[in-house]
Amino acid sequence: MNHMNLDNHKNVLKQIDPYTADLVRCNMDILDRIHYLIDKHFGGSQVELAKKLNISEARVSKMVNGLQNFKLKTLKKLEQAFGEKIIVVPYVDEHGHLQIGHH
């Protein structure tokens, strides 16, 4: 996202309720991670990601441009295509320590 768009988004976030602003920030964080992984694993090619997922390039474009809400099922399919996590959920291990990653 270019600097002007980012500044515009920040200004918009200041004008909406905190809950909605948090949802928007979370979605933007997920999109940033997906864009990073597309660059890392597919050289930035949405076409190659679409082939890997066996879906249309138009559908991938809608996903990565924030035109749809992500379902957990979609995120898991993307993680399989990338071979790494998009979202990592912390958990408490048997010793009571906070851990990141798989149980």
N, C-alpha and C. Protein backbone atom coordinates (compact mmCIF):
# COMPACT_ATOMS: atom_id res chain seq x y z
N MET A 1 0.85 -1.16 0.00
CA MET A 1 0.00 0.00 0.00
C MET A 1 0.90 1.23 0.00
N ASN A 2 0.61 2.20 -0.86
CA ASN A 2 1.49 3.35 -0.91
C ASN A 2 1.25 4.27 0.28
N HIS A 3 2.20 5.19 0.48
CA HIS A 3 2.19 6.05 1.67
C HIS A 3 0.92 6.90 1.76
N MET A 4 0.46 7.46 0.62
CA MET A 4 -0.72 8.30 0.63
C MET A 4 -1.95 7.50 1.06
N ASN A 5 -2.11 6.30 0.54
CA ASN A 5 -3.24 5.46 0.93
C ASN A 5 -3.16 5.10 2.41
N LEU A 6 -1.98 4.79 2.91
CA LEU A 6 -1.82 4.44 4.31
C LEU A 6 -2.20 5.61 5.20
N ASP A 7 -1.76 6.82 4.85
CA ASP A 7 -2.13 8.01 5.63
C ASP A 7 -3.64 8.22 5.59
N ASN A 8 -4.25 8.02 4.44
CA ASN A 8 -5.69 8.17 4.31
C ASN A 8 -6.41 7.16 5.20
N HIS A 9 -5.95 5.90 5.19
CA HIS A 9 -6.55 4.87 6.03
C HIS A 9 -6.43 5.22 7.52
N LYS A 10 -5.27 5.75 7.91
CA LYS A 10 -5.08 6.12 9.32
C LYS A 10 -6.05 7.23 9.72
N ASN A 11 -6.26 8.19 8.84
CA ASN A 11 -7.21 9.26 9.13
C ASN A 11 -8.63 8.74 9.24
N VAL A 12 -9.00 7.81 8.37
CA VAL A 12 -10.33 7.22 8.42
C VAL A 12 -10.51 6.44 9.73
N LEU A 13 -9.48 5.69 10.13
CA LEU A 13 -9.56 4.89 11.36
C LEU A 13 -9.80 5.77 12.59
N LYS A 14 -9.28 6.99 12.58
CA LYS A 14 -9.48 7.90 13.71
C LYS A 14 -10.93 8.34 13.83
N GLN A 15 -11.68 8.24 12.73
CA GLN A 15 -13.04 8.76 12.69
C GLN A 15 -14.11 7.70 12.95
N ILE A 16 -13.73 6.45 13.09
CA ILE A 16 -14.72 5.39 13.31
C ILE A 16 -14.60 4.82 14.72
N ASP A 17 -15.60 4.07 15.12
CA ASP A 17 -15.60 3.53 16.47
C ASP A 17 -14.43 2.56 16.67
N PRO A 18 -13.95 2.43 17.91
CA PRO A 18 -12.77 1.60 18.20
C PRO A 18 -12.91 0.14 17.75
N TYR A 19 -14.08 -0.45 17.90
CA TYR A 19 -14.27 -1.85 17.50
C TYR A 19 -14.05 -2.02 16.00
N THR A 20 -14.70 -1.18 15.22
CA THR A 20 -14.57 -1.25 13.76
C THR A 20 -13.14 -0.94 13.33
N ALA A 21 -12.53 0.04 13.98
CA ALA A 21 -11.14 0.37 13.66
C ALA A 21 -10.22 -0.82 13.92
N ASP A 22 -10.47 -1.55 15.00
CA ASP A 22 -9.67 -2.73 15.32
C ASP A 22 -9.86 -3.82 14.27
N LEU A 23 -11.09 -4.01 13.82
CA LEU A 23 -11.35 -4.98 12.75
C LEU A 23 -10.60 -4.62 11.47
N VAL A 24 -10.63 -3.34 11.13
CA VAL A 24 -9.94 -2.88 9.92
C VAL A 24 -8.44 -3.09 10.05
N ARG A 25 -7.88 -2.73 11.22
CA ARG A 25 -6.44 -2.93 11.43
C ARG A 25 -6.06 -4.41 11.34
N CYS A 26 -6.88 -5.27 11.92
CA CYS A 26 -6.62 -6.71 11.87
C CYS A 26 -6.63 -7.21 10.43
N ASN A 27 -7.62 -6.79 9.67
CA ASN A 27 -7.72 -7.20 8.27
C ASN A 27 -6.51 -6.69 7.48
N MET A 28 -6.09 -5.46 7.76
CA MET A 28 -4.92 -4.91 7.06
C MET A 28 -3.65 -5.68 7.42
N ASP A 29 -3.52 -6.10 8.68
CA ASP A 29 -2.36 -6.90 9.09
C ASP A 29 -2.34 -8.24 8.35
N ILE A 30 -3.50 -8.86 8.23
CA ILE A 30 -3.60 -10.14 7.51
C ILE A 30 -3.24 -9.93 6.05
N LEU A 31 -3.77 -8.88 5.44
CA LEU A 31 -3.45 -8.60 4.04
C LEU A 31 -1.97 -8.32 3.84
N ASP A 32 -1.36 -7.58 4.76
CA ASP A 32 0.09 -7.33 4.67
C ASP A 32 0.86 -8.64 4.70
N ARG A 33 0.47 -9.55 5.58
CA ARG A 33 1.15 -10.85 5.69
C ARG A 33 0.96 -11.65 4.40
N ILE A 34 -0.24 -11.65 3.86
CA ILE A 34 -0.50 -12.39 2.61
C ILE A 34 0.32 -11.82 1.46
N HIS A 35 0.39 -10.51 1.36
CA HIS A 35 1.20 -9.88 0.30
C HIS A 35 2.67 -10.27 0.44
N TYR A 36 3.16 -10.26 1.68
CA TYR A 36 4.54 -10.66 1.93
C TYR A 36 4.77 -12.11 1.46
N LEU A 37 3.84 -13.00 1.80
CA LEU A 37 4.00 -14.41 1.44
C LEU A 37 3.85 -14.65 -0.06
N ILE A 38 3.03 -13.88 -0.72
CA ILE A 38 2.93 -13.98 -2.19
C ILE A 38 4.26 -13.58 -2.80
N ASP A 39 4.85 -12.50 -2.32
CA ASP A 39 6.16 -12.08 -2.82
C ASP A 39 7.21 -13.15 -2.55
N LYS A 40 7.22 -13.67 -1.34
CA LYS A 40 8.23 -14.65 -0.92
C LYS A 40 8.12 -15.97 -1.69
N HIS A 41 6.91 -16.50 -1.84
CA HIS A 41 6.75 -17.84 -2.40
C HIS A 41 6.36 -17.88 -3.87
N PHE A 42 5.83 -16.79 -4.39
CA PHE A 42 5.35 -16.79 -5.77
C PHE A 42 5.88 -15.61 -6.57
N GLY A 43 6.94 -14.98 -6.07
CA GLY A 43 7.53 -13.86 -6.79
C GLY A 43 6.55 -12.72 -7.03
N GLY A 44 5.56 -12.60 -6.15
CA GLY A 44 4.56 -11.54 -6.29
C GLY A 44 3.45 -11.86 -7.27
N SER A 45 3.46 -13.07 -7.82
CA SER A 45 2.50 -13.44 -8.87
C SER A 45 1.19 -13.99 -8.31
N GLN A 46 0.13 -13.23 -8.49
CA GLN A 46 -1.20 -13.71 -8.11
C GLN A 46 -1.63 -14.85 -9.03
N VAL A 47 -1.15 -14.83 -10.26
CA VAL A 47 -1.47 -15.89 -11.22
C VAL A 47 -0.94 -17.23 -10.71
N GLU A 48 0.30 -17.23 -10.21
CA GLU A 48 0.89 -18.48 -9.71
C GLU A 48 0.18 -18.96 -8.45
N LEU A 49 -0.21 -18.03 -7.59
CA LEU A 49 -0.97 -18.42 -6.39
C LEU A 49 -2.32 -19.00 -6.80
N ALA A 50 -2.97 -18.40 -7.77
CA ALA A 50 -4.27 -18.90 -8.25
C ALA A 50 -4.12 -20.32 -8.78
N LYS A 51 -3.05 -20.58 -9.53
CA LYS A 51 -2.80 -21.93 -10.05
C LYS A 51 -2.63 -22.92 -8.89
N LYS A 52 -1.85 -22.53 -7.90
CA LYS A 52 -1.59 -23.40 -6.75
C LYS A 52 -2.88 -23.72 -5.99
N LEU A 53 -3.77 -22.73 -5.89
CA LEU A 53 -5.03 -22.90 -5.17
C LEU A 53 -6.13 -23.49 -6.05
N ASN A 54 -5.86 -23.56 -7.36
CA ASN A 54 -6.85 -24.05 -8.33
C ASN A 54 -8.13 -23.20 -8.32
N ILE A 55 -7.91 -21.87 -8.28
CA ILE A 55 -9.02 -20.92 -8.35
C ILE A 55 -8.67 -19.86 -9.39
N SER A 56 -9.61 -19.01 -9.70
CA SER A 56 -9.37 -17.98 -10.72
C SER A 56 -8.47 -16.87 -10.18
N GLU A 57 -7.77 -16.24 -11.10
CA GLU A 57 -6.94 -15.09 -10.73
C GLU A 57 -7.82 -13.96 -10.18
N ALA A 58 -9.03 -13.83 -10.71
CA ALA A 58 -9.95 -12.79 -10.23
C ALA A 58 -10.29 -13.01 -8.75
N ARG A 59 -10.48 -14.26 -8.36
CA ARG A 59 -10.79 -14.56 -6.95
C ARG A 59 -9.60 -14.22 -6.06
N VAL A 60 -8.40 -14.57 -6.51
CA VAL A 60 -7.20 -14.22 -5.74
C VAL A 60 -7.10 -12.70 -5.62
N SER A 61 -7.35 -12.00 -6.71
CA SER A 61 -7.28 -10.55 -6.70
C SER A 61 -8.24 -9.95 -5.68
N LYS A 62 -9.46 -10.48 -5.61
CA LYS A 62 -10.43 -10.00 -4.62
C LYS A 62 -9.92 -10.26 -3.21
N MET A 63 -9.30 -11.42 -3.00
CA MET A 63 -8.76 -11.75 -1.67
C MET A 63 -7.68 -10.77 -1.25
N VAL A 64 -6.71 -10.56 -2.12
CA VAL A 64 -5.52 -9.80 -1.74
C VAL A 64 -5.74 -8.29 -1.81
N ASN A 65 -6.84 -7.86 -2.37
CA ASN A 65 -7.15 -6.43 -2.41
C ASN A 65 -8.17 -6.04 -1.36
N GLY A 66 -8.47 -6.96 -0.44
CA GLY A 66 -9.34 -6.65 0.68
C GLY A 66 -10.81 -6.56 0.33
N LEU A 67 -11.22 -7.19 -0.78
CA LEU A 67 -12.61 -7.10 -1.21
C LEU A 67 -13.47 -8.23 -0.66
N GLN A 68 -12.91 -9.02 0.23
CA GLN A 68 -13.71 -10.06 0.87
C GLN A 68 -13.20 -10.27 2.29
N ASN A 69 -14.07 -10.71 3.16
CA ASN A 69 -13.66 -11.09 4.50
C ASN A 69 -13.10 -12.50 4.44
N PHE A 70 -12.07 -12.75 5.22
CA PHE A 70 -11.44 -14.06 5.20
C PHE A 70 -12.16 -15.03 6.13
N LYS A 71 -12.49 -16.19 5.59
CA LYS A 71 -12.97 -17.29 6.42
C LYS A 71 -11.75 -18.08 6.85
N LEU A 72 -11.87 -18.76 7.96
CA LEU A 72 -10.76 -19.58 8.46
C LEU A 72 -10.35 -20.61 7.41
N LYS A 73 -11.33 -21.20 6.73
CA LYS A 73 -11.06 -22.20 5.69
C LYS A 73 -10.18 -21.61 4.58
N THR A 74 -10.46 -20.37 4.19
CA THR A 74 -9.67 -19.71 3.15
C THR A 74 -8.25 -19.46 3.64
N LEU A 75 -8.12 -19.00 4.87
CA LEU A 75 -6.79 -18.75 5.42
C LEU A 75 -5.97 -20.04 5.49
N LYS A 76 -6.62 -21.15 5.87
CA LYS A 76 -5.92 -22.44 5.93
C LYS A 76 -5.47 -22.89 4.54
N LYS A 77 -6.29 -22.67 3.53
CA LYS A 77 -5.89 -23.03 2.16
C LYS A 77 -4.70 -22.18 1.71
N LEU A 78 -4.73 -20.89 2.05
CA LEU A 78 -3.60 -20.03 1.72
C LEU A 78 -2.34 -20.48 2.45
N GLU A 79 -2.47 -20.85 3.72
CA GLU A 79 -1.32 -21.35 4.47
C GLU A 79 -0.73 -22.60 3.82
N GLN A 80 -1.58 -23.49 3.34
CA GLN A 80 -1.08 -24.68 2.65
C GLN A 80 -0.32 -24.29 1.39
N ALA A 81 -0.84 -23.33 0.66
CA ALA A 81 -0.18 -22.89 -0.58
C ALA A 81 1.18 -22.26 -0.27
N PHE A 82 1.26 -21.50 0.82
CA PHE A 82 2.51 -20.84 1.17
C PHE A 82 3.47 -21.75 1.92
N GLY A 83 2.94 -22.79 2.56
CA GLY A 83 3.78 -23.67 3.36
C GLY A 83 4.19 -23.04 4.68
N GLU A 84 3.47 -22.02 5.10
CA GLU A 84 3.72 -21.40 6.40
C GLU A 84 2.48 -20.65 6.86
N LYS A 85 2.48 -20.30 8.14
CA LYS A 85 1.32 -19.70 8.77
C LYS A 85 1.10 -18.25 8.34
N ILE A 86 -0.15 -17.87 8.31
CA ILE A 86 -0.53 -16.47 8.13
C ILE A 86 -0.78 -15.86 9.50
N ILE A 87 -1.52 -16.59 10.32
CA ILE A 87 -1.84 -16.15 11.68
C ILE A 87 -1.32 -17.21 12.65
N VAL A 88 -0.62 -16.77 13.69
CA VAL A 88 -0.11 -17.68 14.70
C VAL A 88 -0.81 -17.34 16.02
N VAL A 89 -1.41 -18.35 16.63
CA VAL A 89 -2.15 -18.17 17.87
C VAL A 89 -1.29 -18.66 19.04
N PRO A 90 -1.08 -17.80 20.03
CA PRO A 90 -0.30 -18.24 21.19
C PRO A 90 -1.10 -19.20 22.06
N TYR A 91 -0.40 -20.03 22.84
CA TYR A 91 -1.05 -20.96 23.76
C TYR A 91 -0.16 -21.11 25.00
N VAL A 92 -0.73 -21.63 26.07
CA VAL A 92 0.01 -21.87 27.30
C VAL A 92 0.38 -23.35 27.34
N ASP A 93 1.68 -23.64 27.49
CA ASP A 93 2.13 -25.04 27.52
C ASP A 93 1.89 -25.66 28.90
N GLU A 94 2.30 -26.93 29.04
CA GLU A 94 2.05 -27.67 30.29
C GLU A 94 2.77 -27.08 31.50
N HIS A 95 3.74 -26.19 31.26
CA HIS A 95 4.48 -25.55 32.35
C HIS A 95 3.95 -24.15 32.65
N GLY A 96 2.87 -23.77 31.96
CA GLY A 96 2.29 -22.46 32.18
C GLY A 96 2.96 -21.33 31.44
N HIS A 97 3.82 -21.69 30.46
CA HIS A 97 4.54 -20.67 29.69
C HIS A 97 3.81 -20.38 28.38
N LEU A 98 3.77 -19.12 28.03
CA LEU A 98 3.15 -18.71 26.77
C LEU A 98 4.05 -19.12 25.62
N GLN A 99 3.49 -19.81 24.64
CA GLN A 99 4.23 -20.29 23.47
C GLN A 99 3.55 -19.78 22.21
N ILE A 100 4.32 -19.69 21.15
CA ILE A 100 3.80 -19.29 19.84
C ILE A 100 3.98 -20.47 18.90
N GLY A 101 2.94 -20.80 18.14
CA GLY A 101 3.05 -21.88 17.17
C GLY A 101 2.15 -23.04 17.49
N HIS A 102 2.57 -24.24 17.10
CA HIS A 102 1.77 -25.45 17.25
C HIS A 102 1.88 -26.03 18.66
N HIS A 103 0.83 -26.68 19.11
CA HIS A 103 0.88 -27.42 20.39
C HIS A 103 1.66 -28.69 20.17
